[in-house]
Amino acid sequence: VRGLCGTYNWNQQDEFTTPAGDVETGVTAFANKYRVSGDCPALAPFPLDPCGAFAGRRELAEAACAVLHGPAFQ
């Protein structure tokens, strides 16, 4: 997960390092390099608004994110 979590070298220019070791400059191109299955569609140049595209999952997402704001991560 080196690229996904950053490189921890204080150089923001290489934060989008792909599994192949190259560096992407945009979020969409970077995310597409991590696709592991052809069944997953490639992201368009401008990602969808997740709240608009998946409105039915908002409650699930808020519950999952609440864990990050809880005592375990304080």
PDB file of N, CA and C in Angstrom:
ATOM      1  N   VAL A   1       0.824  -1.205   0.000  1.00  0.00           N
ATOM      2  CA  VAL A   1       0.000   0.000   0.000  1.00  0.00           C
ATOM      3  C   VAL A   1       0.861   1.260   0.000  1.00  0.00           C
ATOM      4  N   ARG A   2       2.099   1.134  -0.398  1.00  0.00           N
ATOM      5  CA  ARG A   2       3.021   2.266  -0.375  1.00  0.00           C
ATOM      6  C   ARG A   2       2.412   3.514  -0.990  1.00  0.00           C
ATOM      7  N   GLY A   3       1.862   3.415  -2.189  1.00  0.00           N
ATOM      8  CA  GLY A   3       1.291   4.583  -2.833  1.00  0.00           C
ATOM      9  C   GLY A   3       0.004   5.028  -2.186  1.00  0.00           C
ATOM     10  N   LEU A   4      -0.813   4.086  -1.751  1.00  0.00           N
ATOM     11  CA  LEU A   4      -2.096   4.440  -1.153  1.00  0.00           C
ATOM     12  C   LEU A   4      -1.936   5.178   0.159  1.00  0.00           C
ATOM     13  N   CYS A   5      -0.934   4.834   0.909  1.00  0.00           N
ATOM     14  CA  CYS A   5      -0.729   5.466   2.217  1.00  0.00           C
ATOM     15  C   CYS A   5       0.378   6.508   2.190  1.00  0.00           C
ATOM     16  N   GLY A   6       0.918   6.808   1.037  1.00  0.00           N
ATOM     17  CA  GLY A   6       2.027   7.750   0.960  1.00  0.00           C
ATOM     18  C   GLY A   6       3.350   7.019   1.048  1.00  0.00           C
ATOM     19  N   THR A   7       4.418   7.736   0.923  1.00  0.00           N
ATOM     20  CA  THR A   7       5.745   7.121   0.939  1.00  0.00           C
ATOM     21  C   THR A   7       6.529   7.440   2.205  1.00  0.00           C
ATOM     22  N   TYR A   8       6.002   8.320   3.031  1.00  0.00           N
ATOM     23  CA  TYR A   8       6.617   8.666   4.325  1.00  0.00           C
ATOM     24  C   TYR A   8       8.034   9.198   4.183  1.00  0.00           C
ATOM     25  N   ASN A   9       8.286   9.994   3.140  1.00  0.00           N
ATOM     26  CA  ASN A   9       9.610  10.560   2.968  1.00  0.00           C
ATOM     27  C   ASN A   9       9.577  12.088   2.946  1.00  0.00           C
ATOM     28  N   TRP A  10       8.471  12.673   3.324  1.00  0.00           N
ATOM     29  CA  TRP A  10       8.272  14.115   3.399  1.00  0.00           C
ATOM     30  C   TRP A  10       8.312  14.790   2.026  1.00  0.00           C
ATOM     31  N   ASN A  11       8.200  14.015   0.954  1.00  0.00           N
ATOM     32  CA  ASN A  11       8.189  14.559  -0.394  1.00  0.00           C
ATOM     33  C   ASN A  11       6.797  14.349  -0.984  1.00  0.00           C
ATOM     34  N   GLN A  12       6.007  15.408  -1.053  1.00  0.00           N
ATOM     35  CA  GLN A  12       4.644  15.276  -1.546  1.00  0.00           C
ATOM     36  C   GLN A  12       4.584  15.017  -3.050  1.00  0.00           C
ATOM     37  N   GLN A  13       5.683  15.165  -3.760  1.00  0.00           N
ATOM     38  CA  GLN A  13       5.701  14.960  -5.199  1.00  0.00           C
ATOM     39  C   GLN A  13       5.577  13.485  -5.583  1.00  0.00           C
ATOM     40  N   ASP A  14       5.833  12.577  -4.640  1.00  0.00           N
ATOM     41  CA  ASP A  14       5.749  11.157  -4.987  1.00  0.00           C
ATOM     42  C   ASP A  14       4.672  10.401  -4.202  1.00  0.00           C
ATOM     43  N   GLU A  15       3.686  11.111  -3.704  1.00  0.00           N
ATOM     44  CA  GLU A  15       2.633  10.471  -2.921  1.00  0.00           C
ATOM     45  C   GLU A  15       1.753   9.548  -3.754  1.00  0.00           C
ATOM     46  N   PHE A  16       1.612   9.806  -5.050  1.00  0.00           N
ATOM     47  CA  PHE A  16       0.773   8.956  -5.897  1.00  0.00           C
ATOM     48  C   PHE A  16       1.627   7.923  -6.625  1.00  0.00           C
ATOM     49  N   THR A  17       2.488   7.220  -5.900  1.00  0.00           N
ATOM     50  CA  THR A  17       3.317   6.179  -6.482  1.00  0.00           C
ATOM     51  C   THR A  17       2.463   4.943  -6.730  1.00  0.00           C
ATOM     52  N   THR A  18       2.497   4.436  -7.956  1.00  0.00           N
ATOM     53  CA  THR A  18       1.667   3.290  -8.352  1.00  0.00           C
ATOM     54  C   THR A  18       2.373   1.985  -8.022  1.00  0.00           C
ATOM     55  N   PRO A  19       1.670   0.858  -8.130  1.00  0.00           N
ATOM     56  CA  PRO A  19       2.319  -0.434  -7.873  1.00  0.00           C
ATOM     57  C   PRO A  19       3.520  -0.689  -8.798  1.00  0.00           C
ATOM     58  N   ALA A  20       3.506  -0.097 -10.000  1.00  0.00           N
ATOM     59  CA  ALA A  20       4.617  -0.270 -10.940  1.00  0.00           C
ATOM     60  C   ALA A  20       5.795   0.644 -10.606  1.00  0.00           C
ATOM     61  N   GLY A  21       5.623   1.560  -9.653  1.00  0.00           N
ATOM     62  CA  GLY A  21       6.699   2.441  -9.238  1.00  0.00           C
ATOM     63  C   GLY A  21       6.703   3.787  -9.924  1.00  0.00           C
ATOM     64  N   ASP A  22       5.786   4.005 -10.885  1.00  0.00           N
ATOM     65  CA  ASP A  22       5.721   5.325 -11.508  1.00  0.00           C
ATOM     66  C   ASP A  22       4.852   6.242 -10.650  1.00  0.00           C
ATOM     67  N   VAL A  23       4.905   7.525 -10.907  1.00  0.00           N
ATOM     68  CA  VAL A  23       4.164   8.494 -10.109  1.00  0.00           C
ATOM     69  C   VAL A  23       3.109   9.159 -10.977  1.00  0.00           C
ATOM     70  N   GLU A  24       1.866   9.095 -10.550  1.00  0.00           N
ATOM     71  CA  GLU A  24       0.768   9.755 -11.251  1.00  0.00           C
ATOM     72  C   GLU A  24       0.558  11.142 -10.653  1.00  0.00           C
ATOM     73  N   THR A  25       0.048  12.044 -11.459  1.00  0.00           N
ATOM     74  CA  THR A  25      -0.189  13.400 -10.969  1.00  0.00           C
ATOM     75  C   THR A  25      -1.646  13.638 -10.637  1.00  0.00           C
ATOM     76  N   GLY A  26      -2.543  12.771 -11.087  1.00  0.00           N
ATOM     77  CA  GLY A  26      -3.966  12.952 -10.832  1.00  0.00           C
ATOM     78  C   GLY A  26      -4.555  11.784 -10.061  1.00  0.00           C
ATOM     79  N   VAL A  27      -5.594  12.064  -9.298  1.00  0.00           N
ATOM     80  CA  VAL A  27      -6.238  11.054  -8.461  1.00  0.00           C
ATOM     81  C   VAL A  27      -6.853   9.939  -9.301  1.00  0.00           C
ATOM     82  N   THR A  28      -7.513  10.284 -10.387  1.00  0.00           N
ATOM     83  CA  THR A  28      -8.203   9.288 -11.197  1.00  0.00           C
ATOM     84  C   THR A  28      -7.222   8.300 -11.819  1.00  0.00           C
ATOM     85  N   ALA A  29      -6.175   8.798 -12.442  1.00  0.00           N
ATOM     86  CA  ALA A  29      -5.176   7.910 -13.046  1.00  0.00           C
ATOM     87  C   ALA A  29      -4.516   7.044 -11.981  1.00  0.00           C
ATOM     88  N   PHE A  30      -4.255   7.624 -10.821  1.00  0.00           N
ATOM     89  CA  PHE A  30      -3.651   6.885  -9.714  1.00  0.00           C
ATOM     90  C   PHE A  30      -4.571   5.756  -9.251  1.00  0.00           C
ATOM     91  N   ALA A  31      -5.835   6.072  -9.045  1.00  0.00           N
ATOM     92  CA  ALA A  31      -6.794   5.066  -8.575  1.00  0.00           C
ATOM     93  C   ALA A  31      -6.956   3.943  -9.594  1.00  0.00           C
ATOM     94  N   ASN A  32      -6.967   4.263 -10.871  1.00  0.00           N
ATOM     95  CA  ASN A  32      -7.122   3.242 -11.901  1.00  0.00           C
ATOM     96  C   ASN A  32      -5.955   2.261 -11.924  1.00  0.00           C
ATOM     97  N   LYS A  33      -4.774   2.677 -11.491  1.00  0.00           N
ATOM     98  CA  LYS A  33      -3.616   1.778 -11.445  1.00  0.00           C
ATOM     99  C   LYS A  33      -3.772   0.702 -10.373  1.00  0.00           C
ATOM    100  N   TYR A  34      -4.650   0.931  -9.400  1.00  0.00           N
ATOM    101  CA  TYR A  34      -4.862  -0.032  -8.325  1.00  0.00           C
ATOM    102  C   TYR A  34      -6.031  -0.972  -8.586  1.00  0.00           C
ATOM    103  N   ARG A  35      -6.667  -0.872  -9.739  1.00  0.00           N
ATOM    104  CA  ARG A  35      -7.750  -1.795 -10.079  1.00  0.00           C
ATOM    105  C   ARG A  35      -7.161  -3.194 -10.191  1.00  0.00           C
ATOM    106  N   VAL A  36      -7.763  -4.169  -9.527  1.00  0.00           N
ATOM    107  CA  VAL A  36      -7.228  -5.525  -9.546  1.00  0.00           C
ATOM    108  C   VAL A  36      -8.046  -6.459 -10.425  1.00  0.00           C
ATOM    109  N   SER A  37      -9.166  -6.016 -10.887  1.00  0.00           N
ATOM    110  CA  SER A  37     -10.035  -6.872 -11.674  1.00  0.00           C
ATOM    111  C   SER A  37     -10.593  -6.105 -12.858  1.00  0.00           C
ATOM    112  N   GLY A  38     -10.680  -6.773 -13.993  1.00  0.00           N
ATOM    113  CA  GLY A  38     -11.297  -6.169 -15.158  1.00  0.00           C
ATOM    114  C   GLY A  38     -12.780  -5.937 -14.957  1.00  0.00           C
ATOM    115  N   ASP A  39     -13.350  -6.579 -13.930  1.00  0.00           N
ATOM    116  CA  ASP A  39     -14.767  -6.392 -13.625  1.00  0.00           C
ATOM    117  C   ASP A  39     -15.033  -5.013 -13.035  1.00  0.00           C
ATOM    118  N   CYS A  40     -14.020  -4.396 -12.469  1.00  0.00           N
ATOM    119  CA  CYS A  40     -14.171  -3.064 -11.895  1.00  0.00           C
ATOM    120  C   CYS A  40     -14.041  -2.038 -13.017  1.00  0.00           C
ATOM    121  N   PRO A  41     -15.015  -1.167 -13.170  1.00  0.00           N
ATOM    122  CA  PRO A  41     -14.909  -0.173 -14.239  1.00  0.00           C
ATOM    123  C   PRO A  41     -13.832   0.859 -13.914  1.00  0.00           C
ATOM    124  N   ALA A  42     -13.156   1.319 -14.964  1.00  0.00           N
ATOM    125  CA  ALA A  42     -12.166   2.377 -14.785  1.00  0.00           C
ATOM    126  C   ALA A  42     -12.887   3.671 -14.447  1.00  0.00           C
ATOM    127  N   LEU A  43     -12.255   4.477 -13.623  1.00  0.00           N
ATOM    128  CA  LEU A  43     -12.842   5.767 -13.272  1.00  0.00           C
ATOM    129  C   LEU A  43     -12.748   6.721 -14.454  1.00  0.00           C
ATOM    130  N   ALA A  44     -13.745   7.539 -14.589  1.00  0.00           N
ATOM    131  CA  ALA A  44     -13.743   8.577 -15.611  1.00  0.00           C
ATOM    132  C   ALA A  44     -12.781   9.674 -15.167  1.00  0.00           C
ATOM    133  N   PRO A  45     -12.414  10.595 -16.058  1.00  0.00           N
ATOM    134  CA  PRO A  45     -11.485  11.660 -15.668  1.00  0.00           C
ATOM    135  C   PRO A  45     -11.949  12.450 -14.441  1.00  0.00           C
ATOM    136  N   PHE A  46     -13.244  12.586 -14.266  1.00  0.00           N
ATOM    137  CA  PHE A  46     -13.761  13.266 -13.084  1.00  0.00           C
ATOM    138  C   PHE A  46     -14.604  12.270 -12.311  1.00  0.00           C
ATOM    139  N   PRO A  47     -14.143  11.826 -11.138  1.00  0.00           N
ATOM    140  CA  PRO A  47     -14.892  10.818 -10.374  1.00  0.00           C
ATOM    141  C   PRO A  47     -16.298  11.305 -10.031  1.00  0.00           C
ATOM    142  N   LEU A  48     -17.180  10.344  -9.921  1.00  0.00           N
ATOM    143  CA  LEU A  48     -18.556  10.642  -9.524  1.00  0.00           C
ATOM    144  C   LEU A  48     -18.592  11.229  -8.122  1.00  0.00           C
ATOM    145  N   ASP A  49     -19.611  11.997  -7.865  1.00  0.00           N
ATOM    146  CA  ASP A  49     -19.854  12.480  -6.504  1.00  0.00           C
ATOM    147  C   ASP A  49     -20.405  11.300  -5.718  1.00  0.00           C
ATOM    148  N   PRO A  50     -19.648  10.730  -4.778  1.00  0.00           N
ATOM    149  CA  PRO A  50     -20.096   9.522  -4.098  1.00  0.00           C
ATOM    150  C   PRO A  50     -21.409   9.685  -3.345  1.00  0.00           C
ATOM    151  N   CYS A  51     -21.662  10.849  -2.797  1.00  0.00           N
ATOM    152  CA  CYS A  51     -22.912  11.032  -2.057  1.00  0.00           C
ATOM    153  C   CYS A  51     -24.109  11.052  -3.003  1.00  0.00           C
ATOM    154  N   GLY A  52     -23.930  11.593  -4.195  1.00  0.00           N
ATOM    155  CA  GLY A  52     -25.020  11.618  -5.160  1.00  0.00           C
ATOM    156  C   GLY A  52     -25.215  10.284  -5.856  1.00  0.00           C
ATOM    157  N   ALA A  53     -24.108   9.601  -6.150  1.00  0.00           N
ATOM    158  CA  ALA A  53     -24.170   8.350  -6.890  1.00  0.00           C
ATOM    159  C   ALA A  53     -24.604   7.171  -6.020  1.00  0.00           C
ATOM    160  N   PHE A  54     -24.305   7.219  -4.748  1.00  0.00           N
ATOM    161  CA  PHE A  54     -24.603   6.105  -3.850  1.00  0.00           C
ATOM    162  C   PHE A  54     -25.363   6.588  -2.618  1.00  0.00           C
ATOM    163  N   ALA A  55     -26.410   7.344  -2.838  1.00  0.00           N
ATOM    164  CA  ALA A  55     -27.154   7.950  -1.735  1.00  0.00           C
ATOM    165  C   ALA A  55     -27.669   6.916  -0.747  1.00  0.00           C
ATOM    166  N   GLY A  56     -28.003   5.728  -1.203  1.00  0.00           N
ATOM    167  CA  GLY A  56     -28.527   4.683  -0.326  1.00  0.00           C
ATOM    168  C   GLY A  56     -27.509   4.142   0.648  1.00  0.00           C
ATOM    169  N   ARG A  57     -26.245   4.418   0.430  1.00  0.00           N
ATOM    170  CA  ARG A  57     -25.195   3.898   1.308  1.00  0.00           C
ATOM    171  C   ARG A  57     -24.659   4.945   2.279  1.00  0.00           C
ATOM    172  N   ARG A  58     -25.270   6.093   2.298  1.00  0.00           N
ATOM    173  CA  ARG A  58     -24.770   7.169   3.155  1.00  0.00           C
ATOM    174  C   ARG A  58     -24.753   6.759   4.626  1.00  0.00           C
ATOM    175  N   GLU A  59     -25.834   6.146   5.099  1.00  0.00           N
ATOM    176  CA  GLU A  59     -25.890   5.750   6.510  1.00  0.00           C
ATOM    177  C   GLU A  59     -24.806   4.732   6.836  1.00  0.00           C
ATOM    178  N   LEU A  60     -24.589   3.786   5.945  1.00  0.00           N
ATOM    179  CA  LEU A  60     -23.544   2.780   6.154  1.00  0.00           C
ATOM    180  C   LEU A  60     -22.176   3.438   6.221  1.00  0.00           C
ATOM    181  N   ALA A  61     -21.923   4.382   5.316  1.00  0.00           N
ATOM    182  CA  ALA A  61     -20.636   5.073   5.291  1.00  0.00           C
ATOM    183  C   ALA A  61     -20.436   5.903   6.560  1.00  0.00           C
ATOM    184  N   GLU A  62     -21.471   6.590   6.997  1.00  0.00           N
ATOM    185  CA  GLU A  62     -21.347   7.404   8.208  1.00  0.00           C
ATOM    186  C   GLU A  62     -21.084   6.529   9.427  1.00  0.00           C
ATOM    187  N   ALA A  63     -21.715   5.373   9.484  1.00  0.00           N
ATOM    188  CA  ALA A  63     -21.490   4.462  10.611  1.00  0.00           C
ATOM    189  C   ALA A  63     -20.061   3.924  10.588  1.00  0.00           C
ATOM    190  N   ALA A  64     -19.570   3.587   9.400  1.00  0.00           N
ATOM    191  CA  ALA A  64     -18.209   3.073   9.291  1.00  0.00           C
ATOM    192  C   ALA A  64     -17.192   4.151   9.656  1.00  0.00           C
ATOM    193  N   CYS A  65     -17.428   5.375   9.225  1.00  0.00           N
ATOM    194  CA  CYS A  65     -16.497   6.465   9.525  1.00  0.00           C
ATOM    195  C   CYS A  65     -16.558   6.880  10.995  1.00  0.00           C
ATOM    196  N   ALA A  66     -17.674   6.632  11.633  1.00  0.00           N
ATOM    197  CA  ALA A  66     -17.800   6.982  13.046  1.00  0.00           C
ATOM    198  C   ALA A  66     -16.754   6.259  13.887  1.00  0.00           C
ATOM    199  N   VAL A  67     -16.354   5.073  13.441  1.00  0.00           N
ATOM    200  CA  VAL A  67     -15.325   4.313  14.159  1.00  0.00           C
ATOM    201  C   VAL A  67     -14.026   5.115  14.201  1.00  0.00           C
ATOM    202  N   LEU A  68     -13.706   5.809  13.103  1.00  0.00           N
ATOM    203  CA  LEU A  68     -12.480   6.595  13.043  1.00  0.00           C
ATOM    204  C   LEU A  68     -12.498   7.785  13.980  1.00  0.00           C
ATOM    205  N   HIS A  69     -13.680   8.239  14.324  1.00  0.00           N
ATOM    206  CA  HIS A  69     -13.813   9.361  15.246  1.00  0.00           C
ATOM    207  C   HIS A  69     -13.999   8.899  16.689  1.00  0.00           C
ATOM    208  N   GLY A  70     -14.039   7.607  16.882  1.00  0.00           N
ATOM    209  CA  GLY A  70     -14.273   7.048  18.211  1.00  0.00           C
ATOM    210  C   GLY A  70     -13.009   6.966  19.050  1.00  0.00           C
ATOM    211  N   PRO A  71     -13.140   6.441  20.266  1.00  0.00           N
ATOM    212  CA  PRO A  71     -12.020   6.391  21.204  1.00  0.00           C
ATOM    213  C   PRO A  71     -10.841   5.542  20.739  1.00  0.00           C
ATOM    214  N   ALA A  72     -11.077   4.556  19.893  1.00  0.00           N
ATOM    215  CA  ALA A  72      -9.980   3.696  19.446  1.00  0.00           C
ATOM    216  C   ALA A  72      -8.927   4.475  18.658  1.00  0.00           C
ATOM    217  N   PHE A  73      -9.315   5.561  18.023  1.00  0.00           N
ATOM    218  CA  PHE A  73      -8.390   6.322  17.183  1.00  0.00           C
ATOM    219  C   PHE A  73      -8.073   7.702  17.756  1.00  0.00           C
ATOM    220  N   GLN A  74      -8.374   7.926  19.013  1.00  0.00           N
ATOM    221  CA  GLN A  74      -8.086   9.237  19.607  1.00  0.00           C
ATOM    222  C   GLN A  74      -6.731   9.252  20.263  1.00  0.00           C
TER     223      GLN A  74
END
